[in-house]
Structures are given as structure tokens and as C-alpha cells.
Protein backbone atom coordinates (compact mmCIF):
# COMPACT_ATOMS: atom_id res chain seq x y z
CA MET A 1 94.75 -30.64 0.66
CA ARG A 2 94.45 -27.46 2.25
CA GLN A 3 92.85 -25.96 -0.45
CA ALA A 4 90.54 -28.76 -0.87
CA LEU A 5 89.45 -28.33 2.72
CA ALA A 6 88.82 -24.78 2.58
CA SER A 7 86.68 -25.01 -0.28
CA ALA A 8 84.42 -27.70 1.12
CA LEU A 9 84.22 -25.76 4.28
CA ALA A 10 83.10 -22.39 2.41
CA VAL A 11 80.62 -24.51 0.37
CA LEU A 12 79.43 -25.79 3.78
CA VAL A 13 79.39 -22.52 5.45
CA VAL A 14 77.26 -21.01 2.04
CA ALA A 15 74.81 -24.09 2.21
CA ALA A 16 74.10 -23.55 5.83
CA GLY A 17 73.47 -19.75 5.60
CA PHE A 18 71.38 -20.51 2.39
CA ILE A 19 69.21 -22.88 4.57
CA TYR A 20 68.78 -20.67 7.32
CA TRP A 21 67.57 -17.84 4.89
CA ILE A 22 64.94 -20.16 3.69
CA ALA A 23 63.96 -21.62 6.98
CA ALA A 24 63.61 -17.97 8.37
CA ASP A 25 61.47 -16.90 5.37
CA LEU A 26 59.28 -19.78 6.14
CA GLY A 27 58.58 -18.80 9.69
CA PRO A 28 55.29 -17.22 10.59
CA ARG A 29 54.69 -13.61 10.19
CA PRO A 30 52.48 -11.07 12.33
CA ASN A 31 50.21 -10.40 9.24
CA PHE A 32 50.11 -13.72 7.73
CA GLU A 33 46.29 -14.78 6.90
CA PRO A 34 46.30 -18.07 5.51
CA TYR A 35 44.23 -18.53 2.22
CA VAL A 36 40.79 -19.70 2.23
CA LYS A 37 39.02 -20.76 -0.59
CA PRO A 38 35.54 -18.34 -1.06
CA ALA A 39 32.39 -20.24 -0.56
CA ALA A 40 30.21 -20.51 -3.63
CA ALA A 41 27.52 -18.04 -3.90
CA GLU A 42 24.42 -20.10 -2.65
CA GLU A 43 22.04 -19.85 -5.46
CA MET A 44 18.56 -19.22 -4.38
CA SER A 45 16.12 -21.97 -5.39
CA TYR A 46 12.79 -21.03 -6.82
CA LEU A 47 10.97 -22.22 -3.94
CA ARG A 48 13.14 -19.85 -1.38
CA ALA A 49 12.35 -17.00 -3.88
CA THR A 50 8.63 -17.93 -4.08
CA TYR A 51 8.40 -17.79 -0.09
CA SER A 52 10.81 -14.75 0.24
CA PRO A 53 9.43 -12.42 3.08
CA LEU A 54 8.96 -9.78 0.18
CA HIS A 55 5.79 -11.53 -1.08
CA PHE A 56 4.41 -11.61 2.27
CA ARG A 57 2.90 -8.44 4.77
CA PRO A 58 4.19 -6.58 6.40
CA ALA A 59 7.46 -6.93 4.33
CA ILE A 60 5.55 -5.97 1.02
CA GLU A 61 4.16 -2.82 2.40
CA LYS A 62 7.62 -0.98 2.98
CA ALA A 63 9.41 -2.87 -0.29
CA GLY A 64 10.67 -0.54 -2.84
CA ASP A 65 10.24 -0.89 -6.36
CA GLU A 66 14.01 -1.75 -6.79
CA GLN A 67 13.62 -4.74 -4.54
CA CYS A 68 10.73 -6.08 -6.71
CA LEU A 69 12.49 -5.49 -9.95
CA ASP A 70 15.65 -7.35 -8.81
CA CYS A 71 13.61 -10.41 -9.63
CA HIS A 72 10.73 -9.11 -11.99
CA ARG A 73 12.53 -6.66 -14.23
CA GLU A 74 10.72 -8.47 -17.22
CA VAL A 75 7.82 -6.44 -16.30
CA LEU A 76 9.73 -3.22 -17.60
CA GLU A 77 12.31 -4.94 -19.82
CA ASP A 78 9.65 -6.57 -22.31
CA LYS A 79 7.96 -4.91 -25.27
CA VAL A 80 5.45 -5.78 -27.36
CA ARG A 81 5.84 -7.55 -30.49
CA LYS A 82 6.57 -5.22 -33.57
CA ALA A 83 3.94 -7.85 -35.27
CA SER A 84 1.49 -10.43 -34.64
CA PRO A 85 2.16 -14.16 -35.38
CA ALA A 86 -0.37 -13.64 -38.34
CA GLY A 87 1.92 -10.73 -39.58
CA VAL A 88 -0.10 -7.61 -38.85
CA GLN A 89 2.00 -5.02 -38.09
CA ALA A 90 1.80 -3.26 -34.57
CA GLU A 91 2.42 0.16 -35.80
CA ALA A 92 -0.65 -0.37 -38.13
CA MET A 93 -3.02 -1.26 -35.40
CA ARG A 94 -4.35 0.80 -32.64
CA ALA A 95 -4.95 -0.73 -29.23
CA TRP A 96 -8.08 -0.02 -27.14
CA TYR A 97 -5.83 2.53 -24.86
CA GLN A 98 -4.69 4.40 -27.71
CA GLN A 99 -8.09 5.45 -28.59
CA THR A 100 -7.60 8.10 -25.91
CA PRO A 101 -6.64 11.27 -26.79
CA THR A 102 -4.45 11.43 -23.66
CA TYR A 103 -2.20 8.61 -24.59
CA ALA A 104 1.00 9.29 -26.63
CA GLY A 105 3.43 7.01 -28.37
CA ASP A 106 3.45 3.28 -29.68
CA GLN A 107 1.66 0.17 -27.86
CA ASP A 108 3.39 -1.04 -24.75
CA THR A 109 3.00 -3.41 -22.50
CA PHE A 110 0.80 -3.30 -19.32
CA HIS A 111 3.14 -2.65 -16.70
CA ARG A 112 5.00 -0.19 -18.33
CA ARG A 113 1.86 1.66 -19.30
CA HIS A 114 1.24 2.06 -15.43
CA LEU A 115 4.77 2.87 -14.60
CA VAL A 116 7.23 4.31 -17.11
CA THR A 117 5.33 5.89 -20.32
CA PRO A 118 4.90 9.59 -20.38
CA LEU A 119 1.22 9.59 -19.30
CA ALA A 120 2.24 7.57 -16.16
CA LYS A 121 4.92 9.53 -15.25
CA GLN A 122 2.88 13.07 -15.47
CA LEU A 123 -0.14 12.03 -13.72
CA MET A 124 0.60 8.68 -11.70
CA ASN A 125 3.00 7.85 -8.82
CA LEU A 126 2.08 4.15 -9.08
CA ARG A 127 4.38 1.47 -7.28
CA CYS A 128 4.60 -2.00 -7.42
CA ASN A 129 2.97 -2.52 -3.85
CA THR A 130 0.17 -0.01 -4.83
CA CYS A 131 -1.29 -2.90 -6.37
CA HIS A 132 0.45 -6.01 -5.08
CA GLN A 133 0.11 -6.36 -1.44
CA GLY A 134 1.18 -10.22 -1.21
CA HIS A 135 -0.57 -13.52 -1.49
CA ASP A 136 -0.15 -16.82 -0.69
CA PRO A 137 1.44 -18.83 -3.41
CA ARG A 138 0.45 -22.08 -1.80
CA GLU A 139 -3.23 -21.36 -1.79
CA GLU A 140 -4.84 -19.11 -4.27
CA ALA A 141 -8.37 -19.58 -3.28
CA GLN A 142 -10.16 -18.69 -0.16
CA GLY A 143 -10.78 -21.59 2.32
CA ALA A 144 -8.53 -24.28 0.41
CA SER A 145 -7.02 -25.22 3.70
CA ALA A 146 -6.97 -25.12 7.27
CA ASP A 147 -4.53 -21.92 7.22
CA SER A 148 -5.39 -20.40 4.04
CA ALA A 149 -7.36 -17.12 3.85
CA PRO A 150 -10.94 -17.95 5.06
CA GLN A 151 -14.24 -17.80 2.90
CA SER A 152 -15.24 -14.48 4.52
CA ASP A 153 -11.97 -12.72 3.51
CA ALA A 154 -13.30 -10.19 0.87
CA GLY A 155 -9.66 -8.63 0.44
CA PHE A 156 -8.35 -11.98 -1.22
CA THR A 157 -9.16 -12.17 -4.75
CA LEU A 158 -9.25 -15.74 -6.36
CA ARG A 159 -6.44 -16.65 -8.09
CA LYS A 160 -5.42 -13.17 -8.76
CA GLN A 161 -1.60 -11.66 -7.23
CA ALA A 162 -3.99 -8.16 -6.78
CA ASN A 163 -6.93 -7.02 -5.76
CA PRO A 164 -9.13 -5.32 -8.70
CA GLU A 165 -11.71 -4.52 -6.45
CA THR A 166 -9.36 -2.02 -4.53
CA THR A 167 -6.81 -1.07 -7.27
CA CYS A 168 -7.82 -1.42 -10.88
CA LEU A 169 -11.36 -0.52 -10.53
CA LYS A 170 -10.09 3.07 -9.17
CA CYS A 171 -9.21 3.89 -12.74
CA HIS A 172 -10.94 1.33 -14.76
CA GLY A 173 -14.68 1.63 -13.73
CA GLN A 174 -17.54 2.89 -15.27
CA TYR A 175 -18.42 6.82 -15.41
CA PRO A 176 -21.27 7.10 -12.96
CA TRP A 177 -23.48 9.64 -14.63
CA GLN A 178 -26.56 7.95 -13.03
CA LEU A 179 -25.30 9.12 -9.51
CA MET A 180 -24.34 12.75 -10.81
CA GLY A 181 -27.92 13.39 -11.92
CA MET A 182 -26.63 13.63 -15.97
CA PRO A 183 -28.95 13.03 -18.63
CA GLY A 184 -26.92 10.36 -20.00
CA PRO A 185 -23.02 9.01 -20.37
CA TRP A 186 -20.33 11.62 -20.80
CA GLU A 187 -19.70 10.75 -24.22
CA GLU A 188 -23.23 11.86 -25.01
CA HIS A 189 -23.33 14.96 -23.39
CA LYS A 190 -19.98 16.34 -22.93
CA ASP A 191 -20.69 19.15 -25.23
CA ALA A 192 -23.48 20.55 -22.99
CA PHE A 193 -20.69 20.78 -20.33
CA GLY A 194 -18.07 22.65 -22.59
CA ASN A 195 -16.12 19.21 -22.18
CA ASN A 196 -14.83 20.29 -19.21
CA CYS A 197 -15.47 18.72 -15.58
CA LEU A 198 -14.59 21.69 -13.80
CA THR A 199 -17.84 23.34 -15.04
CA CYS A 200 -19.15 21.70 -12.15
CA HIS A 201 -16.05 20.52 -10.12
CA ALA A 202 -14.56 23.50 -9.84
CA ALA A 203 -16.86 23.89 -6.52
CA LEU A 204 -17.81 20.29 -5.82
CA ARG A 205 -15.73 17.39 -4.60
CA THR A 206 -12.81 19.92 -4.44
CA LYS A 207 -10.97 17.70 -2.00
CA ARG A 208 -9.44 15.15 -4.55
CA HIS A 209 -6.69 13.08 -5.82
CA GLU A 210 -4.57 13.74 -2.43
CA VAL A 211 -3.39 9.98 -2.32
CA THR A 212 0.16 8.84 -2.68
CA TYR A 213 -0.34 7.01 -6.54
CA LEU A 214 -1.43 10.05 -7.79
CA ASN A 215 0.05 13.28 -8.89
CA ALA A 216 -2.85 15.87 -7.86
CA ALA A 217 -1.11 18.73 -8.93
CA ALA A 218 -0.61 17.66 -12.21
CA ILE A 219 -3.75 16.13 -12.62
CA GLU A 220 -5.62 19.61 -11.79
CA GLU A 221 -3.61 21.27 -14.32
CA ALA A 222 -4.21 18.83 -17.01
CA GLY A 223 -7.86 19.11 -16.20
CA GLN A 224 -8.09 22.73 -16.78
CA SER A 225 -7.50 22.21 -20.65
CA GLY A 226 -10.42 19.89 -20.87
CA ALA A 227 -12.09 16.72 -19.49
CA ASP A 228 -9.96 14.23 -21.63
CA SER A 229 -7.40 13.75 -18.99
CA CYS A 230 -10.26 13.35 -16.21
CA TYR A 231 -12.12 11.20 -18.58
CA GLY A 232 -9.44 8.69 -19.24
CA CYS A 233 -9.50 7.32 -15.53
CA HIS A 234 -13.31 8.04 -14.95
CA GLY A 235 -14.99 5.86 -17.48
CA GLY A 236 -12.82 6.26 -20.60
CA ARG A 237 -10.82 3.24 -20.01
CA ALA A 238 -13.48 1.17 -18.53
CA TRP A 239 -12.64 -2.41 -17.89
CA TYR A 240 -15.70 -3.08 -15.59
CA ARG A 241 -19.27 -2.59 -15.65
CA ILE A 242 -19.49 -0.93 -12.26
CA SER A 243 -17.60 2.13 -11.00
CA TYR A 244 -15.41 2.59 -8.00
CA PRO A 245 -17.27 4.00 -4.77
CA TYR A 246 -14.58 6.72 -3.94
CA ALA A 247 -14.21 8.41 -0.38
CA ARG A 248 -16.23 11.27 0.03
CA THR A 249 -13.76 13.34 1.29
CA PRO A 250 -15.13 16.61 2.69
CA TRP A 251 -14.75 20.09 1.02
CA PRO A 252 -15.34 23.60 1.72
CA ASP A 253 -18.85 24.30 1.53
CA MET A 254 -20.08 20.84 1.24
CA PRO A 255 -23.72 20.23 2.11
CA ALA A 256 -24.71 18.95 5.37
CA GLU A 257 -27.31 16.52 3.34
CA VAL A 258 -25.83 13.31 2.42
CA PRO A 259 -27.49 11.73 -0.71
CA ASP A 260 -28.60 8.16 -0.41
CA TRP A 261 -25.83 6.87 -2.76
CA ALA A 262 -23.20 8.48 -0.61
CA LYS A 263 -24.31 7.63 2.97
CA ASP A 264 -22.11 4.27 2.84
CA ARG A 265 -19.00 5.96 1.24
CA PRO A 266 -16.17 6.47 3.48
CA THR A 267 -14.97 10.23 4.39
CA ARG A 268 -11.36 9.53 3.30
CA SER A 269 -9.33 6.91 1.28
CA GLU A 270 -7.24 4.17 2.48
CA ALA A 271 -4.79 4.55 5.30
CA ARG A 272 -2.06 3.36 3.02
CA PHE A 273 -2.39 5.57 0.30
CA LEU A 274 -2.99 8.97 2.50
CA LYS A 275 -0.19 11.52 2.01
CA GLN A 276 1.92 12.11 5.11
CA THR A 277 1.69 15.46 6.50
CA THR A 278 3.93 17.11 9.02
CA GLY A 279 2.47 20.26 10.53
CA LYS A 280 5.02 22.87 12.06
CA PRO A 281 5.08 23.51 15.80
């Protein structure tokens, strides 16, 4: 009998100790952090992405390419087809931009030709917001509503996401041979000048290309070897029937008399394209 009571008492003590041990482990701890289920990442809707502040001023003026390409990476990743739907091989044809001697390589897409091809990296310094300065996705025509761009806003181009008059035309306008007093187009008379723009421009309008979207030093170096690099952006790849009215930046020994065609020209490039210079004290 005594042995049975002793055994029962021992079992009771062990059970009580076990229960106390479990209860002590369940108590609150100083560093206890309750589990919280993480909230699901909110997927940006198309409407919210369309009206992102990066698509409007002033945010777009300071946006970096990495911010733009976060959503628009396809402009660099997409490539041209190896063959047309009719079966014509791309390598067997030459696109219009391949006709100029300065272009090297296979056919490529519009944005890649302006951002990542060898010529673009050598002579240009284009950024997404060089051309894209924001637009109203709801109204793509002036005066379409009470709060849209007014009809008088010449900086807003009908149904375009860039203003070609202030961007594309800079490098895709006609060669203005009439203003230069030449007898005809450059292609017809380049041999008379040794096919070298510096025959005249070594002393004329020597303050040039000093803008953020161009590599001025590389352009000047390329121009030493001939006119092909110069003509490529000054008539050789013309999309339009007019030329761009470049700023007539003063240069050393510039004549005091201003020709009639230049009287309405600005004397410096747009402020957003000017290179920031820090003078030493």
C-alpha cells in the first residue's frame, strides 16, 4: 500500500513539475514579437501608372533614365525582326539610316539608335527627358477641355509624346545651304570644300555643340576627319523639309553685323540644355 502511494505521489510531483515547466515557457518574453502576416504588395494599376508624377513637370525634368526604364524597358530590349512578314531578311536590306557612312552595325530600333548604339554613345548624350518632357494623357490636343493646354500653347504638340520642333528637328532638319551662301546642297558641292566643314567652320561659329545632350569634344574630333559626322546631323538624316534655327552663340571675332536670317535667332541654347559650369573663386 505504501509503495503504491509513493508511486502515485511521485507521478503527481513529476506531472506538476512538467505542467509548471510548460506554463513558464508559455509566458511573455521580453523580446517576443507577435507574428504579423505581411501585407500583399499593392500592384500599381494602369491608371495610377499613367498619372505617375514622373509623367508631368516638374518631376520629369529631374527624372533619371533608370526611373523611366523601370516601366519602359522594352524600348531598349526590343530588337528588329530578323525577317519581314513577307520573308525578306533584314541583313539583306539596308535601312535609310544605314546609308550614312557614320552608322555601323545591323538595323536597330528607334530608341536603341539614339541611346545605346556605338554612334549614339560616341557623339550623343541623350537622356529620356531630353525629348520627353511630359504630356497630359487625358487630353492630347490643345483646347480640348477647360483645363487642358490652350490653343496658344506652341510647346504642346498634337497627339505626340515629344515636341519634334524642339527635339527631333535639331538633328533631322534640312541643310540650310541658302543661308550659308552656298551654290547648292552639300551633297552636290562638298568636293569644292574638300568634304570638310572645317574649311569654313574652323573660324566661323566656333562656339558649338556645348549642350548637355551632345559630346562636344567627340564631335569636334570626328569633324577633323571629314564632313560625314557633321552632315549626318545637319541634313544627312533629314526627316523634315525645314531646318532647325540653331542659337547663334557669340564666338571670338564674331562680326558685329547680324545677317537678316539671324536677327530673330537666340544667342544661347535653351536653359535646360546648358552645361553647368562652376567658376573657381
